[in-house]
Amino acid sequence: MLQFARTCESIAATPAKNEKVRRLAGYLFALDEADLEAAVRFFTGNPFAQREQRSLSLGGSTIVTAAKHVWGVTDAQLGSAYREHGDLGAALCGFVRPPADLGFFTQTLTPAWLHVLFEEVAQASGKTAGKKRLVLCERILGSCRDPLEAKYVIKIMTGDLRIGLREGLVVEAIATAFTAGVDHVRRAVMASSDIGSVAVAARHGSLHGVRIAYGVPIGFMLASPVTYGGSYRELERANWIVEDKFDGIRAQAHKYGDQVRLFSRTLNDISHTYPEVMQALRTIQQDCIIDGELVARRDGRVLPFRYLQARLQRKTVTADLVAEVPVAFMCFDILAAQEEFLLDEPLLERRKRLAHIIPDNDSISMAASYELPSAQAGEIERRFEDARARGHEGLVLKRTDSPYHPGRRGKWWLKLKRELSTLDVVVVAVEWGHGKRAKVLSDYTFAVRGKDGALLTIGKAYSGLTDAEISELTPWFLSHRIAPTAAKRSRGAIPVEAEIVLEVAFDIIQPSDLHESGFSLRFPRIVRIRQDKPPSEIDTIDRVNEIYQQMLTREHVPH
């Protein structure tokens, strides 16, 4: 693992993409088969193959406790080191002592041996699972012979490698190391959902034998936003189809044999939540992977998202709930049929294949689409307003020749939405960010003003501001902290003086018990810092109620 760590450090030190690929390819080429399979997975930030859908279940507290036992780290030392580095691996690695000084036998860590230990960690269960994970974690840390090795072993355990190495670059490195086609490697990874076994197949020249891993989610293709009211020049150079943008949740259905599974956009299994959809999917006559949207639908009409919320994350779904909020799966793309992967087929061909296998009933339907005759603003916005009148968010525009690119947000698909409104709010609490923003305060809880002048929280946002703006605000927030009240004490949140005013955009307002205002904003995004507006002039709860009532009026939802 020391050579793995040195390779990571080398890759992190160069910003050049081609050089990252070259350095990683050189390392992979020299590994034996067992180490290659494990190391490639580690480089993508996962200790296991994606198709296994497992995690280490090893929290930061267990790692810290193990470090205290093995290296004698104190809370004060760890606190100081973490504030300096903002990363657990970098914070703990400075306390490493050589195994010989620890008084017990250890084995040299290799990627393959570390994977074996990870398997034991993941398999720990029962009343003694926590104790067993701690002992194994101590064994792993105690085997680290060098601070650099420990740094990256901990990074793998926390899933936070952060060396500027996307999975796409790992794919390129595999292709470079073993003289394989990049497209062939990428397709095999998407089909099998195990980049480790694909690397071994590439070494043996057997990528053609990789089969589709039904029951394992594939990354979703994403659409890039287009500003409403713009010139729409993006649409001038190709042919496009138009679909309504549903107000639901994206889902991927896998039908294979007698098995059916549903996955969310975060690749979580949500099958148990939608029994009526699962039953409808079982009527499909062939193995397939379908992309679509789960929506609440009654009497042929798609209901607003707030209706669907009653079905989200339910452990138990009763017949009464299914009757009260019926859900349908609107299908708009197909990724695989039988043993044939369809990602490189043009969109129109994929939709033809999809239309042949989708039954049409209350719980599953083919999403309607139509060709866009022109890219004129008037025509696009007329169709947009028609979609809104049908209760949808807006439009999705897709190039007729587009392939399916999992996980990518390019210009093949475009989404046209118009924000409901914006609110001027004041920041009342902040939190440290994550990843590259671990050393800045980037997560802001904000409030509107109540009828009596009190500040009422309504949401939290962490997107919209530039890195420079966040960096400038961080020292201001740190110097304007206030003591939390007992009623408002929240883990990780730092209360601050209510002085910074933001303009926040959002999709919808919905009732919520999470915030003091009684409302929450869906998909809040910071538009700008309102340096021209004092906190006394932020929006009020009356304005929130006004926007909410306008939204209800537009919905015209039948009961």
Protein backbone atom coordinates (compact mmCIF):
# COMPACT_ATOMS: atom_id res chain seq x y z
CA MET A 1 0.00 0.00 0.00
CA LEU A 2 2.96 2.31 0.35
CA GLN A 3 3.48 2.25 -3.42
CA PHE A 4 -0.28 2.83 -3.86
CA ALA A 5 0.00 5.86 -1.58
CA ARG A 6 3.04 7.22 -3.44
CA THR A 7 1.14 6.86 -6.70
CA CYS A 8 -1.83 8.74 -5.20
CA GLU A 9 0.45 11.53 -4.01
CA SER A 10 2.08 11.75 -7.43
CA ILE A 11 -1.28 11.89 -9.20
CA ALA A 12 -2.58 14.54 -6.80
CA ALA A 13 0.50 16.67 -7.46
CA THR A 14 -0.10 17.04 -11.22
CA PRO A 15 -3.05 18.96 -12.67
CA ALA A 16 -2.47 17.54 -16.16
CA LYS A 17 -5.08 14.91 -17.04
CA ASN A 18 -2.85 12.98 -19.48
CA GLU A 19 -0.03 12.85 -16.94
CA LYS A 20 -2.40 11.52 -14.26
CA VAL A 21 -3.44 8.76 -16.65
CA ARG A 22 0.17 7.96 -17.56
CA ARG A 23 1.31 7.69 -13.94
CA LEU A 24 -1.65 5.54 -12.94
CA ALA A 25 -1.25 3.28 -15.99
CA GLY A 26 2.38 2.67 -15.10
CA TYR A 27 1.45 1.64 -11.58
CA LEU A 28 -1.40 -0.65 -12.69
CA PHE A 29 0.73 -2.42 -15.30
CA ALA A 30 3.21 -3.56 -12.63
CA LEU A 31 0.62 -5.12 -10.28
CA ASP A 32 -0.26 -8.79 -10.00
CA GLU A 33 -3.86 -9.79 -10.68
CA ALA A 34 -5.17 -9.73 -7.09
CA ASP A 35 -3.60 -6.36 -6.30
CA LEU A 36 -4.78 -4.93 -9.63
CA GLU A 37 -8.42 -5.83 -8.98
CA ALA A 38 -8.40 -4.28 -5.50
CA ALA A 39 -6.29 -1.21 -6.30
CA VAL A 40 -8.43 -0.15 -9.27
CA ARG A 41 -11.51 -0.18 -7.04
CA PHE A 42 -9.69 1.85 -4.41
CA PHE A 43 -8.73 4.48 -6.98
CA THR A 44 -12.43 5.10 -7.69
CA GLY A 45 -13.02 5.67 -3.96
CA ASN A 46 -14.84 2.36 -3.35
CA PRO A 47 -13.51 -0.54 -1.29
CA PHE A 48 -15.87 -2.95 -3.08
CA ALA A 49 -17.30 -3.45 -6.55
CA GLN A 50 -20.32 -1.24 -7.21
CA ARG A 51 -22.44 -4.26 -8.13
CA GLU A 52 -22.02 -5.64 -4.60
CA GLN A 53 -23.74 -2.55 -3.15
CA ARG A 54 -21.88 -2.89 0.13
CA SER A 55 -20.19 -0.43 2.42
CA LEU A 56 -17.60 -0.78 5.15
CA SER A 57 -19.99 0.54 7.80
CA LEU A 58 -16.89 2.00 9.38
CA GLY A 59 -17.57 5.44 10.81
CA GLY A 60 -15.04 8.15 11.51
CA SER A 61 -15.48 7.63 15.27
CA THR A 62 -14.31 4.00 14.96
CA ILE A 63 -11.25 5.07 12.97
CA VAL A 64 -10.42 7.77 15.53
CA THR A 65 -10.85 5.33 18.45
CA ALA A 66 -8.57 2.83 16.70
CA ALA A 67 -5.96 5.56 16.11
CA LYS A 68 -6.08 6.47 19.81
CA HIS A 69 -5.47 2.84 20.80
CA VAL A 70 -2.75 2.14 18.22
CA TRP A 71 -0.88 5.47 18.06
CA GLY A 72 -1.85 7.15 21.34
CA VAL A 73 -3.53 10.14 19.67
CA THR A 74 -5.25 12.56 22.06
CA ASP A 75 -8.41 14.55 21.39
CA ALA A 76 -6.45 17.80 21.58
CA GLN A 77 -3.86 16.57 19.06
CA LEU A 78 -6.52 15.33 16.66
CA GLY A 79 -8.56 18.54 16.95
CA SER A 80 -5.53 20.67 16.13
CA ALA A 81 -4.46 18.45 13.22
CA TYR A 82 -7.98 18.29 11.75
CA ARG A 83 -8.36 22.07 11.86
CA GLU A 84 -5.06 22.33 9.98
CA HIS A 85 -5.82 19.75 7.27
CA GLY A 86 -9.62 19.42 7.12
CA ASP A 87 -9.18 15.72 6.27
CA LEU A 88 -9.11 12.74 8.63
CA GLY A 89 -6.40 10.84 6.75
CA ALA A 90 -4.06 13.84 6.60
CA ALA A 91 -4.85 14.69 10.23
CA LEU A 92 -4.08 11.22 11.66
CA CYS A 93 -1.13 10.16 9.52
CA GLY A 94 1.32 12.35 11.43
CA PHE A 95 0.93 10.15 14.50
CA VAL A 96 1.97 6.88 12.82
CA ARG A 97 4.52 4.75 14.65
CA PRO A 98 6.34 1.86 12.92
CA PRO A 99 4.74 -1.57 13.57
CA ALA A 100 7.83 -2.76 15.46
CA ASP A 101 7.18 -0.10 18.12
CA LEU A 102 3.59 -1.26 18.69
CA GLY A 103 4.41 -4.56 20.35
CA PHE A 104 2.32 -6.92 18.18
CA PHE A 105 2.68 -8.80 14.91
CA THR A 106 1.48 -7.09 11.76
CA GLN A 107 1.42 -8.07 8.07
CA THR A 108 2.62 -5.87 5.23
CA LEU A 109 -0.37 -4.18 3.63
CA THR A 110 -0.97 -4.73 -0.06
CA PRO A 111 -4.13 -3.74 -1.96
CA ALA A 112 -5.23 -7.40 -2.05
CA TRP A 113 -4.61 -7.97 1.66
CA LEU A 114 -6.34 -4.70 2.59
CA HIS A 115 -9.35 -5.82 0.55
CA VAL A 116 -9.43 -9.09 2.55
CA LEU A 117 -9.51 -7.09 5.79
CA PHE A 118 -12.25 -4.84 4.37
CA GLU A 119 -14.28 -7.98 3.60
CA GLU A 120 -14.03 -8.99 7.26
CA VAL A 121 -15.06 -5.50 8.37
CA ALA A 122 -18.12 -5.50 6.08
CA GLN A 123 -19.16 -8.99 7.20
CA ALA A 124 -19.09 -8.16 10.91
CA SER A 125 -22.58 -8.57 12.34
CA GLY A 126 -24.46 -9.28 15.53
CA LYS A 127 -23.96 -7.87 19.00
CA THR A 128 -20.17 -7.91 18.73
CA ALA A 129 -20.01 -6.28 15.27
CA GLY A 130 -18.85 -2.91 16.59
CA LYS A 131 -16.06 -4.46 18.65
CA LYS A 132 -14.91 -6.63 15.74
CA ARG A 133 -14.80 -3.63 13.37
CA LEU A 134 -12.71 -1.72 15.89
CA VAL A 135 -10.23 -4.61 16.29
CA LEU A 136 -9.91 -4.93 12.50
CA CYS A 137 -9.47 -1.19 12.13
CA GLU A 138 -6.70 -1.30 14.75
CA ARG A 139 -5.08 -4.12 12.80
CA ILE A 140 -5.21 -2.11 9.58
CA LEU A 141 -3.79 1.06 11.13
CA GLY A 142 -1.17 -0.89 13.06
CA SER A 143 0.08 -2.41 9.79
CA CYS A 144 0.81 1.00 8.25
CA ARG A 145 4.57 1.45 8.09
CA ASP A 146 4.66 5.01 6.84
CA PRO A 147 2.57 8.18 7.41
CA LEU A 148 1.85 8.46 3.69
CA GLU A 149 0.58 4.88 3.60
CA ALA A 150 -1.68 5.55 6.61
CA LYS A 151 -3.01 8.74 5.04
CA TYR A 152 -4.36 6.96 1.98
CA VAL A 153 -5.53 3.83 3.78
CA ILE A 154 -7.71 6.09 5.97
CA LYS A 155 -8.87 8.00 2.89
CA ILE A 156 -10.05 4.75 1.34
CA MET A 157 -11.86 3.80 4.55
CA THR A 158 -13.66 7.15 4.67
CA GLY A 159 -14.42 7.15 0.92
CA ASP A 160 -12.62 10.46 0.52
CA LEU A 161 -9.62 9.85 -1.75
CA ARG A 162 -9.66 13.33 -3.36
CA ILE A 163 -6.64 13.17 -5.71
CA GLY A 164 -8.35 14.65 -8.76
CA LEU A 165 -8.98 11.23 -10.28
CA ARG A 166 -12.45 10.69 -11.72
CA GLU A 167 -13.59 7.20 -12.69
CA GLY A 168 -13.24 8.22 -16.33
CA LEU A 169 -9.50 8.75 -15.86
CA VAL A 170 -9.16 5.35 -14.19
CA VAL A 171 -10.89 3.85 -17.23
CA GLU A 172 -8.40 5.60 -19.51
CA ALA A 173 -5.49 4.37 -17.38
CA ILE A 174 -6.72 0.76 -17.65
CA ALA A 175 -6.98 1.14 -21.42
CA THR A 176 -3.48 2.64 -21.59
CA ALA A 177 -1.91 0.04 -19.30
CA PHE A 178 -3.27 -2.95 -21.20
CA THR A 179 -3.59 -1.56 -24.75
CA ALA A 180 -7.37 -1.76 -24.86
CA GLY A 181 -9.93 0.57 -26.42
CA VAL A 182 -11.17 3.23 -24.01
CA ASP A 183 -14.74 2.80 -25.24
CA HIS A 184 -14.53 -0.96 -24.76
CA VAL A 185 -13.28 -0.55 -21.19
CA ARG A 186 -15.93 2.07 -20.40
CA ARG A 187 -18.72 -0.08 -21.80
CA ALA A 188 -17.51 -3.11 -19.81
CA VAL A 189 -17.44 -1.06 -16.60
CA MET A 190 -20.99 0.18 -17.15
CA ALA A 191 -22.19 -3.31 -18.01
CA SER A 192 -20.54 -5.17 -15.14
CA SER A 193 -20.50 -2.44 -12.45
CA ASP A 194 -17.10 -3.73 -11.31
CA ILE A 195 -14.12 -1.76 -12.54
CA GLY A 196 -11.74 -4.16 -10.75
CA SER A 197 -12.79 -7.24 -12.68
CA VAL A 198 -12.81 -5.17 -15.88
CA ALA A 199 -9.16 -4.24 -15.30
CA VAL A 200 -8.30 -7.93 -15.01
CA ALA A 201 -10.31 -8.69 -18.16
CA ALA A 202 -8.45 -5.91 -20.00
CA ARG A 203 -5.13 -7.43 -18.95
CA HIS A 204 -6.21 -10.79 -20.43
CA GLY A 205 -7.80 -9.27 -23.56
CA SER A 206 -11.24 -10.64 -22.64
CA LEU A 207 -13.38 -7.49 -22.38
CA HIS A 208 -15.80 -8.97 -24.91
CA GLY A 209 -16.83 -11.58 -22.35
CA VAL A 210 -18.07 -9.05 -19.74
CA ARG A 211 -21.82 -9.46 -19.21
CA ILE A 212 -24.52 -7.01 -18.10
CA ALA A 213 -25.00 -7.01 -14.33
CA TYR A 214 -28.77 -6.81 -14.03
CA GLY A 215 -29.89 -5.68 -10.59
CA VAL A 216 -27.02 -3.20 -10.23
CA PRO A 217 -27.83 0.47 -11.00
CA ILE A 218 -26.08 2.36 -13.79
CA GLY A 219 -25.37 6.07 -13.49
CA PHE A 220 -28.10 8.34 -14.83
CA MET A 221 -27.63 10.58 -17.86
CA LEU A 222 -28.19 14.19 -16.83
CA ALA A 223 -29.53 17.27 -18.59
CA SER A 224 -27.87 20.69 -18.62
CA PRO A 225 -30.04 23.67 -17.68
CA VAL A 226 -31.13 26.21 -20.28
CA THR A 227 -32.24 29.68 -19.22
CA TYR A 228 -35.88 30.45 -19.89
CA GLY A 229 -36.23 33.50 -22.10
CA GLY A 230 -32.81 33.10 -23.72
CA SER A 231 -31.91 32.77 -27.40
CA TYR A 232 -31.95 28.93 -27.38
CA ARG A 233 -29.00 28.85 -29.79
CA GLU A 234 -28.07 25.42 -28.43
CA LEU A 235 -30.99 24.00 -30.40
CA GLU A 236 -30.12 25.36 -33.83
CA ARG A 237 -27.63 22.77 -35.09
CA ALA A 238 -29.44 19.46 -34.55
CA ASN A 239 -32.83 17.77 -34.45
CA TRP A 240 -34.54 17.56 -31.06
CA ILE A 241 -37.45 15.84 -29.38
CA VAL A 242 -39.31 17.43 -26.50
CA GLU A 243 -40.67 15.76 -23.35
CA ASP A 244 -42.51 17.18 -20.36
CA LYS A 245 -40.26 17.48 -17.33
CA PHE A 246 -42.18 15.59 -14.67
CA ASP A 247 -42.37 16.75 -11.06
CA GLY A 248 -41.35 13.41 -9.56
CA ILE A 249 -38.22 11.41 -8.77
CA ARG A 250 -35.91 9.86 -11.32
CA ALA A 251 -35.76 6.07 -11.21
CA GLN A 252 -34.14 3.18 -13.03
CA ALA A 253 -35.97 -0.13 -13.37
CA HIS A 254 -34.26 -3.50 -13.83
CA LYS A 255 -36.38 -6.42 -15.05
CA TYR A 256 -34.48 -9.74 -15.29
CA GLY A 257 -36.19 -13.09 -15.20
CA ASP A 258 -38.70 -13.00 -12.38
CA GLN A 259 -36.78 -10.26 -10.58
CA VAL A 260 -37.59 -6.53 -10.60
CA ARG A 261 -35.74 -3.74 -8.84
CA LEU A 262 -36.11 0.03 -8.74
CA PHE A 263 -33.24 2.43 -8.03
CA SER A 264 -33.26 6.12 -7.22
CA ARG A 265 -30.98 8.73 -8.77
CA THR A 266 -28.65 8.22 -5.78
CA LEU A 267 -28.52 4.50 -6.79
CA ASN A 268 -30.42 3.37 -3.68
CA ASP A 269 -32.85 0.46 -3.91
CA ILE A 270 -36.38 1.85 -3.51
CA SER A 271 -38.28 -1.20 -4.73
CA HIS A 272 -40.29 -1.78 -1.54
CA THR A 273 -41.78 1.72 -1.64
CA TYR A 274 -43.71 1.31 -4.91
CA PRO A 275 -45.44 -2.10 -5.01
CA GLU A 276 -47.89 -1.10 -7.77
CA VAL A 277 -44.99 -0.11 -10.05
CA MET A 278 -43.12 -3.32 -9.26
CA GLN A 279 -46.19 -5.35 -10.22
CA ALA A 280 -46.54 -3.46 -13.50
CA LEU A 281 -42.85 -3.94 -14.35
CA ARG A 282 -43.21 -7.71 -13.92
CA THR A 283 -45.56 -7.77 -16.90
CA ILE A 284 -42.72 -6.75 -19.26
CA GLN A 285 -41.87 -9.75 -21.41
CA GLN A 286 -38.06 -9.42 -21.61
CA ASP A 287 -35.01 -8.53 -19.53
CA CYS A 288 -34.34 -4.79 -19.71
CA ILE A 289 -33.07 -1.69 -17.92
CA ILE A 290 -35.38 1.34 -18.20
CA ASP A 291 -34.89 4.99 -17.27
CA GLY A 292 -37.90 7.03 -16.19
CA GLU A 293 -39.64 9.12 -13.57
CA LEU A 294 -41.83 8.07 -10.66
CA VAL A 295 -44.79 10.42 -10.32
CA ALA A 296 -47.96 10.61 -8.28
CA ARG A 297 -50.82 10.15 -10.77
CA ARG A 298 -54.56 10.00 -10.35
CA ASP A 299 -57.14 9.65 -13.13
CA GLY A 300 -54.46 10.15 -15.76
CA ARG A 301 -53.23 13.42 -14.24
CA VAL A 302 -49.74 13.82 -12.76
CA LEU A 303 -49.99 15.39 -9.31
CA PRO A 304 -47.51 17.89 -7.81
CA PHE A 305 -44.44 16.62 -6.03
CA ARG A 306 -45.83 17.35 -2.57
CA TYR A 307 -48.31 14.48 -3.09
CA LEU A 308 -45.48 12.09 -3.93
CA GLN A 309 -43.67 13.04 -0.72
CA ALA A 310 -46.15 10.93 1.26
CA ARG A 311 -44.63 7.87 -0.45
CA LEU A 312 -40.94 8.70 -0.07
CA GLN A 313 -38.71 6.64 2.24
CA ARG A 314 -41.62 4.64 3.64
CA LYS A 315 -40.58 1.37 5.26
CA THR A 316 -44.17 0.14 5.24
CA VAL A 317 -46.51 0.91 2.34
CA THR A 318 -50.13 0.03 3.10
CA ALA A 319 -52.91 -0.59 0.61
CA ASP A 320 -54.62 2.55 1.90
CA LEU A 321 -51.55 4.65 1.13
CA VAL A 322 -51.30 3.19 -2.38
CA ALA A 323 -54.95 4.05 -2.95
CA GLU A 324 -54.54 7.55 -1.53
CA VAL A 325 -51.37 8.37 -3.52
CA PRO A 326 -51.12 6.09 -6.57
CA VAL A 327 -47.71 6.17 -8.26
CA ALA A 328 -46.85 5.55 -11.91
CA PHE A 329 -43.54 5.00 -13.70
CA MET A 330 -43.20 7.21 -16.78
CA CYS A 331 -40.62 5.50 -19.04
CA PHE A 332 -38.50 7.55 -21.44
CA ASP A 333 -35.35 5.55 -22.20
CA ILE A 334 -34.00 2.00 -22.35
CA LEU A 335 -30.36 1.15 -21.55
CA ALA A 336 -30.29 -2.60 -22.08
CA ALA A 337 -32.46 -5.32 -23.61
CA GLN A 338 -31.64 -8.98 -22.96
CA GLU A 339 -27.83 -9.19 -23.26
CA GLU A 340 -27.62 -6.17 -25.55
CA PHE A 341 -26.29 -2.89 -24.18
CA LEU A 342 -27.99 0.04 -25.95
CA LEU A 343 -26.07 3.04 -24.62
CA ASP A 344 -24.45 3.85 -27.97
CA GLU A 345 -27.65 3.55 -29.98
CA PRO A 346 -29.20 6.91 -31.00
CA LEU A 347 -32.09 8.13 -28.85
CA LEU A 348 -34.75 7.62 -31.51
CA GLU A 349 -33.73 3.98 -31.94
CA ARG A 350 -33.75 3.42 -28.18
CA ARG A 351 -37.23 4.90 -27.89
CA LYS A 352 -38.51 2.58 -30.64
CA ARG A 353 -37.13 -0.39 -28.73
CA LEU A 354 -38.75 0.90 -25.54
CA ALA A 355 -42.16 1.44 -27.17
CA HIS A 356 -42.30 -2.25 -28.21
CA ILE A 357 -42.04 -3.59 -24.65
CA ILE A 358 -43.84 -1.09 -22.40
CA PRO A 359 -47.41 -1.92 -21.42
CA ASP A 360 -49.71 1.05 -20.90
CA ASN A 361 -51.72 1.04 -17.67
CA ASP A 362 -52.29 3.06 -14.51
CA SER A 363 -48.86 2.19 -13.07
CA ILE A 364 -46.53 2.27 -16.10
CA SER A 365 -46.58 4.29 -19.31
CA MET A 366 -44.36 5.44 -22.14
CA ALA A 367 -43.64 9.15 -21.65
CA ALA A 368 -44.97 11.17 -24.57
CA SER A 369 -42.47 12.98 -26.80
CA TYR A 370 -42.71 14.97 -30.01
CA GLU A 371 -40.23 16.45 -32.44
CA LEU A 372 -39.44 20.13 -32.11
CA PRO A 373 -40.26 21.70 -35.50
CA SER A 374 -38.16 24.82 -34.90
CA ALA A 375 -35.84 26.40 -32.35
CA GLN A 376 -37.75 29.67 -32.31
CA ALA A 377 -38.17 31.16 -28.84
CA GLY A 378 -41.91 31.64 -29.26
CA GLU A 379 -42.53 27.99 -30.17
CA ILE A 380 -40.34 26.66 -27.32
CA GLU A 381 -41.94 28.90 -24.73
CA ARG A 382 -45.47 28.06 -25.93
CA ARG A 383 -44.72 24.38 -25.45
CA PHE A 384 -43.17 25.21 -22.08
CA GLU A 385 -46.36 26.93 -20.93
CA ASP A 386 -48.43 23.97 -22.18
CA ALA A 387 -46.30 21.64 -20.05
CA ARG A 388 -46.72 23.90 -17.02
CA ALA A 389 -50.49 23.91 -17.58
CA ARG A 390 -50.40 20.10 -17.44
CA GLY A 391 -48.81 20.39 -13.99
CA HIS A 392 -45.20 19.66 -14.99
CA GLU A 393 -41.97 21.52 -14.16
CA GLY A 394 -41.09 22.44 -17.74
CA LEU A 395 -39.46 20.71 -20.69
CA VAL A 396 -36.59 18.36 -21.43
CA LEU A 397 -35.11 18.69 -24.91
CA LYS A 398 -33.08 15.76 -26.27
CA ARG A 399 -31.04 15.41 -29.44
CA THR A 400 -32.49 12.68 -31.60
CA ASP A 401 -29.02 11.23 -32.23
CA SER A 402 -27.89 11.33 -28.58
CA PRO A 403 -26.22 8.29 -27.01
CA TYR A 404 -26.83 7.56 -23.32
CA HIS A 405 -23.92 8.87 -21.25
CA PRO A 406 -24.28 7.71 -17.62
CA GLY A 407 -23.34 10.32 -15.04
CA ARG A 408 -22.67 13.07 -17.58
CA ARG A 409 -24.25 16.48 -17.88
CA GLY A 410 -23.46 17.52 -21.44
CA LYS A 411 -25.32 19.25 -24.27
CA TRP A 412 -27.11 16.16 -25.58
CA TRP A 413 -30.01 16.71 -23.16
CA LEU A 414 -31.22 20.13 -22.00
CA LYS A 415 -33.77 21.02 -19.32
CA LEU A 416 -35.86 24.17 -19.46
CA LYS A 417 -37.33 25.28 -16.14
CA ARG A 418 -38.43 28.61 -14.76
CA GLU A 419 -37.96 29.27 -11.09
CA LEU A 420 -41.10 29.93 -9.12
CA SER A 421 -39.69 33.05 -7.47
CA THR A 422 -36.86 34.24 -5.24
CA LEU A 423 -36.73 35.29 -1.60
CA ASP A 424 -34.39 37.68 0.16
CA VAL A 425 -33.29 35.94 3.34
CA VAL A 426 -30.70 36.41 6.08
CA VAL A 427 -28.06 33.86 7.12
CA VAL A 428 -28.52 32.75 10.75
CA ALA A 429 -26.18 29.72 10.94
CA VAL A 430 -23.28 28.27 8.96
CA GLU A 431 -21.47 24.93 8.68
CA TRP A 432 -18.10 23.76 7.43
CA GLY A 433 -18.20 22.33 3.92
CA HIS A 434 -16.98 18.98 2.63
CA GLY A 435 -14.40 17.82 0.11
CA LYS A 436 -12.58 20.77 -1.43
CA ARG A 437 -14.64 23.12 0.78
CA ALA A 438 -13.70 21.38 4.03
CA LYS A 439 -11.77 24.44 5.24
CA VAL A 440 -14.45 27.05 4.53
CA LEU A 441 -17.93 27.77 5.84
CA SER A 442 -20.06 27.02 2.79
CA ASP A 443 -23.41 25.67 4.07
CA TYR A 444 -25.81 28.45 5.06
CA THR A 445 -29.06 28.17 7.03
CA PHE A 446 -31.27 31.17 6.33
CA ALA A 447 -34.46 32.76 7.62
CA VAL A 448 -37.32 35.10 6.76
CA ARG A 449 -38.93 37.54 9.18
CA GLY A 450 -42.04 36.55 11.14
CA LYS A 451 -45.07 38.67 11.96
CA ASP A 452 -43.55 39.72 15.29
CA GLY A 453 -40.17 40.50 13.76
CA ALA A 454 -38.55 37.21 14.86
CA LEU A 455 -36.37 35.34 12.37
CA LEU A 456 -37.88 32.06 11.17
CA THR A 457 -35.66 29.51 9.42
CA ILE A 458 -36.89 28.28 6.04
CA GLY A 459 -34.01 26.40 4.44
CA LYS A 460 -30.33 25.71 3.89
CA ALA A 461 -28.27 26.16 0.72
CA TYR A 462 -24.69 25.41 -0.28
CA SER A 463 -24.66 26.14 -4.00
CA GLY A 464 -24.61 29.31 -6.05
CA LEU A 465 -21.74 31.32 -4.60
CA THR A 466 -18.22 31.23 -6.04
CA ASP A 467 -15.26 29.82 -4.13
CA ALA A 468 -13.92 33.36 -3.83
CA GLU A 469 -17.16 34.64 -2.28
CA ILE A 470 -17.25 31.75 0.20
CA SER A 471 -13.61 32.33 1.15
CA GLU A 472 -14.32 36.00 1.80
CA LEU A 473 -17.39 35.24 3.91
CA THR A 474 -15.72 32.56 6.06
CA PRO A 475 -13.57 34.90 8.23
CA TRP A 476 -16.55 37.26 8.60
CA PHE A 477 -18.74 34.46 9.91
CA LEU A 478 -16.00 33.24 12.27
CA SER A 479 -15.65 36.70 13.78
CA HIS A 480 -19.43 37.13 14.13
CA ARG A 481 -20.33 33.89 15.86
CA ILE A 482 -22.93 33.97 18.62
CA ALA A 483 -23.69 31.52 21.41
CA PRO A 484 -26.42 28.99 20.50
CA THR A 485 -29.56 28.92 22.58
CA ALA A 486 -30.70 25.63 24.08
CA ALA A 487 -33.67 25.56 21.71
CA LYS A 488 -31.56 26.19 18.62
CA ARG A 489 -28.54 24.03 19.39
CA SER A 490 -27.70 21.96 16.32
CA ARG A 491 -24.73 19.63 15.81
CA GLY A 492 -22.28 21.14 13.35
CA ALA A 493 -24.17 24.42 12.90
CA ILE A 494 -22.54 27.65 14.05
CA PRO A 495 -25.03 30.43 14.86
CA VAL A 496 -23.95 33.80 13.48
CA GLU A 497 -25.13 37.37 13.63
CA ALA A 498 -27.99 37.93 11.20
CA GLU A 499 -26.30 40.43 8.87
CA ILE A 500 -25.59 38.68 5.56
CA VAL A 501 -28.55 38.91 3.17
CA LEU A 502 -28.88 36.49 0.25
CA GLU A 503 -31.24 36.22 -2.68
CA VAL A 504 -32.31 32.57 -2.92
CA ALA A 505 -34.11 30.90 -5.84
CA PHE A 506 -36.10 27.68 -5.51
CA ASP A 507 -38.46 25.37 -7.36
CA ILE A 508 -41.39 25.15 -4.97
CA ILE A 509 -42.42 26.01 -1.43
CA GLN A 510 -43.80 23.18 0.64
CA PRO A 511 -45.10 22.81 4.23
CA SER A 512 -42.45 21.42 6.57
CA ASP A 513 -41.96 20.74 10.27
CA LEU A 514 -38.19 20.98 9.88
CA HIS A 515 -38.09 24.77 9.98
CA GLU A 516 -39.53 27.40 12.30
CA SER A 517 -41.37 29.08 9.42
CA GLY A 518 -43.45 25.94 8.81
CA PHE A 519 -42.19 25.85 5.22
CA SER A 520 -39.17 24.63 3.28
CA LEU A 521 -37.79 25.47 -0.15
CA ARG A 522 -37.20 22.69 -2.67
CA PHE A 523 -33.80 22.88 -4.39
CA PRO A 524 -32.76 26.28 -2.98
CA ARG A 525 -29.92 27.98 -4.84
CA ILE A 526 -28.13 31.18 -3.87
CA VAL A 527 -28.50 33.76 -6.64
CA ARG A 528 -26.35 36.50 -5.12
CA ILE A 529 -25.28 38.29 -1.97
CA ARG A 530 -27.59 41.28 -1.43
CA GLN A 531 -25.04 43.79 -0.21
CA ASP A 532 -27.53 46.51 -1.13
CA LYS A 533 -30.19 45.26 1.29
CA PRO A 534 -30.14 45.42 5.12
CA PRO A 535 -31.53 42.53 7.21
CA SER A 536 -34.49 44.69 8.19
CA GLU A 537 -35.74 44.50 4.58
CA ILE A 538 -35.67 40.74 4.00
CA ASP A 539 -38.83 38.94 2.94
CA THR A 540 -41.49 38.05 5.49
CA ILE A 541 -43.54 34.98 6.29
CA ASP A 542 -46.48 36.76 4.68
CA ARG A 543 -44.58 36.85 1.38
CA VAL A 544 -43.82 33.13 1.73
CA ASN A 545 -47.51 32.41 2.28
CA GLU A 546 -48.41 34.55 -0.73
CA ILE A 547 -46.06 32.63 -3.06
CA TYR A 548 -47.30 29.31 -1.65
CA GLN A 549 -50.95 30.23 -2.29
CA GLN A 550 -50.09 31.35 -5.84
CA MET A 551 -48.46 27.96 -6.41
CA LEU A 552 -51.57 26.12 -5.16
CA THR A 553 -53.80 28.23 -7.41
CA ARG A 554 -51.72 27.29 -10.47
CA GLU A 555 -51.84 23.58 -9.63
CA HIS A 556 -55.66 23.17 -9.73
CA VAL A 557 -55.26 19.69 -8.28
CA PRO A 558 -58.50 17.66 -8.15
CA HIS A 559 -59.37 15.97 -4.83
